[in-house]
Amino acid sequence: MTDTVLLIGTHEPPPETPLHWLLYSRDDINVVLYGMLFGKALSAAELEAPPEGLMGAMAVLKELKNSHAVKIKGGAGVMVGVSIAEIRRRFQ
């Protein structure tokens, strides 16, 4: 990562913050959806741990190198794309 961001607030940022930083650094990602996966996304690669912290974020980024979705053990997942409409079409 080459850019630095200073966050000031009354609460700690959520543990998924590094995931968003890394994903939005890619030119082909404008939208990150995190939640329950349905349809075609269920065939996505599956990670054992949630995408928390820098190590979890890097694991997700690695899996998304050749995919648009990563399933997290337990049923949740991360879907990425240029727009919500694109993600919706891809995973209906």
N, C-alpha and C. Protein backbone atom coordinates (compact mmCIF):
# COMPACT_ATOMS: atom_id res chain seq x y z
N MET A 1 0.86 -1.17 0.00
CA MET A 1 0.00 0.00 0.00
C MET A 1 0.90 1.23 0.00
N THR A 2 0.59 2.18 -0.84
CA THR A 2 1.41 3.38 -0.92
C THR A 2 0.74 4.59 -0.33
N ASP A 3 -0.57 4.58 -0.20
CA ASP A 3 -1.28 5.72 0.36
C ASP A 3 -1.48 5.52 1.85
N THR A 4 -1.51 6.62 2.58
CA THR A 4 -1.73 6.58 4.01
C THR A 4 -3.00 7.34 4.33
N VAL A 5 -3.81 6.76 5.21
CA VAL A 5 -5.06 7.39 5.62
C VAL A 5 -5.06 7.50 7.13
N LEU A 6 -5.40 8.67 7.65
CA LEU A 6 -5.53 8.87 9.08
C LEU A 6 -7.01 8.90 9.41
N LEU A 7 -7.44 7.99 10.26
CA LEU A 7 -8.84 7.92 10.67
C LEU A 7 -8.94 8.41 12.11
N ILE A 8 -9.83 9.35 12.33
CA ILE A 8 -10.05 9.88 13.67
C ILE A 8 -11.52 9.69 14.00
N GLY A 9 -11.79 9.09 15.15
CA GLY A 9 -13.17 8.89 15.56
C GLY A 9 -13.24 8.41 16.98
N THR A 10 -14.44 8.17 17.45
CA THR A 10 -14.64 7.75 18.83
C THR A 10 -14.58 6.24 18.99
N HIS A 11 -14.60 5.51 17.88
CA HIS A 11 -14.58 4.05 17.93
C HIS A 11 -13.43 3.52 17.07
N GLU A 12 -13.00 2.31 17.38
CA GLU A 12 -12.01 1.64 16.55
C GLU A 12 -12.66 1.29 15.21
N PRO A 13 -11.90 1.34 14.11
CA PRO A 13 -12.49 0.92 12.84
C PRO A 13 -12.81 -0.57 12.88
N PRO A 14 -13.79 -1.01 12.09
CA PRO A 14 -14.13 -2.44 12.07
C PRO A 14 -12.95 -3.27 11.59
N PRO A 15 -12.91 -4.55 11.97
CA PRO A 15 -11.78 -5.40 11.59
C PRO A 15 -11.66 -5.64 10.08
N GLU A 16 -12.73 -5.35 9.32
CA GLU A 16 -12.68 -5.54 7.86
C GLU A 16 -12.09 -4.33 7.13
N THR A 17 -11.71 -3.28 7.84
CA THR A 17 -11.19 -2.06 7.21
C THR A 17 -10.01 -2.34 6.29
N PRO A 18 -8.98 -3.11 6.71
CA PRO A 18 -7.87 -3.38 5.77
C PRO A 18 -8.33 -4.09 4.50
N LEU A 19 -9.36 -4.92 4.60
CA LEU A 19 -9.90 -5.59 3.41
C LEU A 19 -10.39 -4.56 2.40
N HIS A 20 -11.15 -3.59 2.86
CA HIS A 20 -11.66 -2.55 1.96
C HIS A 20 -10.51 -1.73 1.37
N TRP A 21 -9.52 -1.38 2.17
CA TRP A 21 -8.37 -0.62 1.66
C TRP A 21 -7.70 -1.36 0.52
N LEU A 22 -7.43 -2.65 0.72
CA LEU A 22 -6.74 -3.43 -0.31
C LEU A 22 -7.60 -3.62 -1.55
N LEU A 23 -8.87 -3.93 -1.37
CA LEU A 23 -9.74 -4.19 -2.52
C LEU A 23 -9.95 -2.94 -3.36
N TYR A 24 -10.20 -1.80 -2.72
CA TYR A 24 -10.44 -0.58 -3.48
C TYR A 24 -9.18 -0.05 -4.16
N SER A 25 -8.02 -0.60 -3.84
CA SER A 25 -6.80 -0.20 -4.53
C SER A 25 -6.74 -0.80 -5.94
N ARG A 26 -7.58 -1.81 -6.21
CA ARG A 26 -7.64 -2.41 -7.55
C ARG A 26 -8.51 -1.56 -8.47
N ASP A 27 -8.07 -1.40 -9.71
CA ASP A 27 -8.81 -0.59 -10.68
C ASP A 27 -10.14 -1.19 -11.08
N ASP A 28 -10.28 -2.51 -10.97
CA ASP A 28 -11.50 -3.18 -11.42
C ASP A 28 -12.52 -3.38 -10.29
N ILE A 29 -12.29 -2.75 -9.14
CA ILE A 29 -13.23 -2.90 -8.02
C ILE A 29 -13.69 -1.52 -7.55
N ASN A 30 -14.99 -1.28 -7.67
CA ASN A 30 -15.61 -0.07 -7.15
C ASN A 30 -16.60 -0.40 -6.04
N VAL A 31 -17.01 -1.67 -5.95
CA VAL A 31 -18.02 -2.10 -4.99
C VAL A 31 -17.54 -3.36 -4.28
N VAL A 32 -17.69 -3.36 -2.95
CA VAL A 32 -17.38 -4.54 -2.15
C VAL A 32 -18.62 -4.87 -1.34
N LEU A 33 -19.18 -6.06 -1.53
CA LEU A 33 -20.33 -6.52 -0.75
C LEU A 33 -19.87 -7.64 0.16
N TYR A 34 -20.23 -7.54 1.41
CA TYR A 34 -19.82 -8.52 2.41
C TYR A 34 -21.07 -9.01 3.10
N GLY A 35 -21.32 -10.30 3.03
CA GLY A 35 -22.53 -10.85 3.66
C GLY A 35 -22.78 -12.26 3.20
N MET A 36 -24.03 -12.67 3.27
CA MET A 36 -24.40 -14.04 2.88
C MET A 36 -24.34 -14.18 1.36
N LEU A 37 -23.83 -15.30 0.90
CA LEU A 37 -23.72 -15.57 -0.54
C LEU A 37 -24.84 -16.49 -0.99
N PHE A 38 -25.32 -16.24 -2.19
CA PHE A 38 -26.36 -17.07 -2.77
C PHE A 38 -26.00 -17.39 -4.21
N GLY A 39 -26.70 -18.35 -4.79
CA GLY A 39 -26.57 -18.65 -6.22
C GLY A 39 -25.18 -19.08 -6.63
N LYS A 40 -24.71 -18.53 -7.75
CA LYS A 40 -23.44 -18.92 -8.34
C LYS A 40 -22.26 -18.70 -7.41
N ALA A 41 -22.36 -17.73 -6.52
CA ALA A 41 -21.24 -17.41 -5.64
C ALA A 41 -20.90 -18.55 -4.71
N LEU A 42 -21.81 -19.49 -4.50
CA LEU A 42 -21.55 -20.60 -3.59
C LEU A 42 -20.42 -21.49 -4.08
N SER A 43 -20.07 -21.40 -5.35
CA SER A 43 -18.97 -22.19 -5.87
C SER A 43 -17.63 -21.48 -5.73
N ALA A 44 -17.62 -20.34 -5.05
CA ALA A 44 -16.39 -19.57 -4.87
C ALA A 44 -15.42 -20.31 -3.97
N ALA A 45 -14.16 -19.91 -4.04
CA ALA A 45 -13.15 -20.47 -3.14
C ALA A 45 -13.57 -20.20 -1.70
N GLU A 46 -13.23 -21.11 -0.79
CA GLU A 46 -13.66 -20.96 0.60
C GLU A 46 -12.45 -20.75 1.51
N LEU A 47 -12.55 -19.72 2.35
CA LEU A 47 -11.51 -19.43 3.34
C LEU A 47 -11.97 -19.93 4.69
N GLU A 48 -11.03 -20.37 5.50
CA GLU A 48 -11.35 -20.89 6.83
C GLU A 48 -11.69 -19.79 7.82
N ALA A 49 -11.06 -18.64 7.70
CA ALA A 49 -11.19 -17.58 8.70
C ALA A 49 -11.85 -16.35 8.12
N PRO A 50 -12.45 -15.50 8.97
CA PRO A 50 -13.04 -14.26 8.49
C PRO A 50 -11.96 -13.31 7.98
N PRO A 51 -12.33 -12.38 7.07
CA PRO A 51 -11.35 -11.48 6.48
C PRO A 51 -11.03 -10.30 7.40
N GLU A 52 -10.50 -10.59 8.56
CA GLU A 52 -10.22 -9.53 9.53
C GLU A 52 -8.73 -9.28 9.61
N GLY A 53 -8.37 -8.02 9.81
CA GLY A 53 -6.97 -7.66 9.90
C GLY A 53 -6.27 -7.74 8.56
N LEU A 54 -5.01 -7.37 8.55
CA LEU A 54 -4.25 -7.33 7.31
C LEU A 54 -4.03 -8.72 6.72
N MET A 55 -3.75 -9.71 7.56
CA MET A 55 -3.51 -11.07 7.05
C MET A 55 -4.78 -11.66 6.42
N GLY A 56 -5.92 -11.46 7.06
CA GLY A 56 -7.18 -11.94 6.49
C GLY A 56 -7.50 -11.23 5.19
N ALA A 57 -7.24 -9.92 5.14
CA ALA A 57 -7.49 -9.14 3.93
C ALA A 57 -6.61 -9.62 2.79
N MET A 58 -5.36 -9.93 3.09
CA MET A 58 -4.45 -10.41 2.05
C MET A 58 -4.87 -11.78 1.53
N ALA A 59 -5.41 -12.63 2.41
CA ALA A 59 -5.90 -13.94 1.98
C ALA A 59 -7.08 -13.79 1.03
N VAL A 60 -7.99 -12.87 1.34
CA VAL A 60 -9.14 -12.61 0.46
C VAL A 60 -8.65 -12.07 -0.88
N LEU A 61 -7.75 -11.10 -0.83
CA LEU A 61 -7.22 -10.50 -2.06
C LEU A 61 -6.58 -11.56 -2.95
N LYS A 62 -5.85 -12.49 -2.36
CA LYS A 62 -5.22 -13.57 -3.13
C LYS A 62 -6.28 -14.43 -3.82
N GLU A 63 -7.35 -14.78 -3.10
CA GLU A 63 -8.41 -15.61 -3.69
C GLU A 63 -9.17 -14.86 -4.78
N LEU A 64 -9.26 -13.53 -4.67
CA LEU A 64 -10.00 -12.74 -5.66
C LEU A 64 -9.16 -12.43 -6.90
N LYS A 65 -7.95 -12.93 -6.95
CA LYS A 65 -7.09 -12.69 -8.11
C LYS A 65 -7.74 -13.20 -9.39
N ASN A 66 -8.41 -14.35 -9.31
CA ASN A 66 -9.04 -14.96 -10.49
C ASN A 66 -10.53 -15.20 -10.29
N SER A 67 -11.15 -14.44 -9.40
CA SER A 67 -12.56 -14.66 -9.08
C SER A 67 -13.19 -13.33 -8.68
N HIS A 68 -14.50 -13.32 -8.54
CA HIS A 68 -15.22 -12.14 -8.08
C HIS A 68 -15.92 -12.39 -6.76
N ALA A 69 -15.65 -13.55 -6.14
CA ALA A 69 -16.28 -13.88 -4.86
C ALA A 69 -15.40 -14.83 -4.07
N VAL A 70 -15.46 -14.67 -2.77
CA VAL A 70 -14.77 -15.58 -1.85
C VAL A 70 -15.77 -15.95 -0.77
N LYS A 71 -15.95 -17.24 -0.56
CA LYS A 71 -16.84 -17.71 0.49
C LYS A 71 -16.04 -17.87 1.77
N ILE A 72 -16.60 -17.39 2.87
CA ILE A 72 -15.97 -17.52 4.18
C ILE A 72 -16.65 -18.68 4.89
N LYS A 73 -15.87 -19.55 5.53
CA LYS A 73 -16.46 -20.70 6.22
C LYS A 73 -17.56 -20.21 7.16
N GLY A 74 -18.71 -20.82 7.07
CA GLY A 74 -19.85 -20.41 7.87
C GLY A 74 -20.95 -19.77 7.03
N GLY A 75 -20.67 -19.50 5.74
CA GLY A 75 -21.73 -19.03 4.87
C GLY A 75 -21.61 -17.61 4.37
N ALA A 76 -20.85 -16.76 5.05
CA ALA A 76 -20.70 -15.38 4.59
C ALA A 76 -19.70 -15.34 3.45
N GLY A 77 -19.61 -14.20 2.79
CA GLY A 77 -18.65 -14.09 1.71
C GLY A 77 -18.43 -12.66 1.29
N VAL A 78 -17.47 -12.48 0.40
CA VAL A 78 -17.12 -11.18 -0.16
C VAL A 78 -17.32 -11.26 -1.66
N MET A 79 -18.07 -10.31 -2.21
CA MET A 79 -18.28 -10.21 -3.65
C MET A 79 -17.79 -8.85 -4.10
N VAL A 80 -17.12 -8.78 -5.24
CA VAL A 80 -16.58 -7.51 -5.73
C VAL A 80 -16.94 -7.30 -7.19
N GLY A 81 -16.92 -6.03 -7.61
CA GLY A 81 -17.19 -5.70 -8.99
C GLY A 81 -17.09 -4.22 -9.24
N VAL A 82 -17.43 -3.84 -10.46
CA VAL A 82 -17.40 -2.43 -10.85
C VAL A 82 -18.64 -1.71 -10.33
N SER A 83 -19.77 -2.42 -10.27
CA SER A 83 -21.02 -1.81 -9.80
C SER A 83 -21.88 -2.86 -9.10
N ILE A 84 -22.86 -2.39 -8.36
CA ILE A 84 -23.79 -3.31 -7.71
C ILE A 84 -24.57 -4.09 -8.77
N ALA A 85 -24.94 -3.41 -9.86
CA ALA A 85 -25.66 -4.08 -10.94
C ALA A 85 -24.84 -5.23 -11.53
N GLU A 86 -23.54 -5.01 -11.71
CA GLU A 86 -22.68 -6.07 -12.24
C GLU A 86 -22.64 -7.26 -11.29
N ILE A 87 -22.48 -6.99 -10.01
CA ILE A 87 -22.45 -8.07 -9.02
C ILE A 87 -23.78 -8.81 -9.01
N ARG A 88 -24.85 -8.09 -9.07
CA ARG A 88 -26.18 -8.70 -9.07
C ARG A 88 -26.36 -9.64 -10.26
N ARG A 89 -25.97 -9.17 -11.45
CA ARG A 89 -26.07 -10.02 -12.66
C ARG A 89 -25.20 -11.27 -12.53
N ARG A 90 -24.01 -11.08 -12.02
CA ARG A 90 -23.06 -12.20 -11.93
C ARG A 90 -23.52 -13.27 -10.96
N PHE A 91 -24.18 -12.89 -9.87
CA PHE A 91 -24.48 -13.84 -8.81
C PHE A 91 -25.96 -14.15 -8.63
N GLN A 92 -26.78 -13.84 -9.62
CA GLN A 92 -28.19 -14.21 -9.52
C GLN A 92 -28.36 -15.67 -9.79
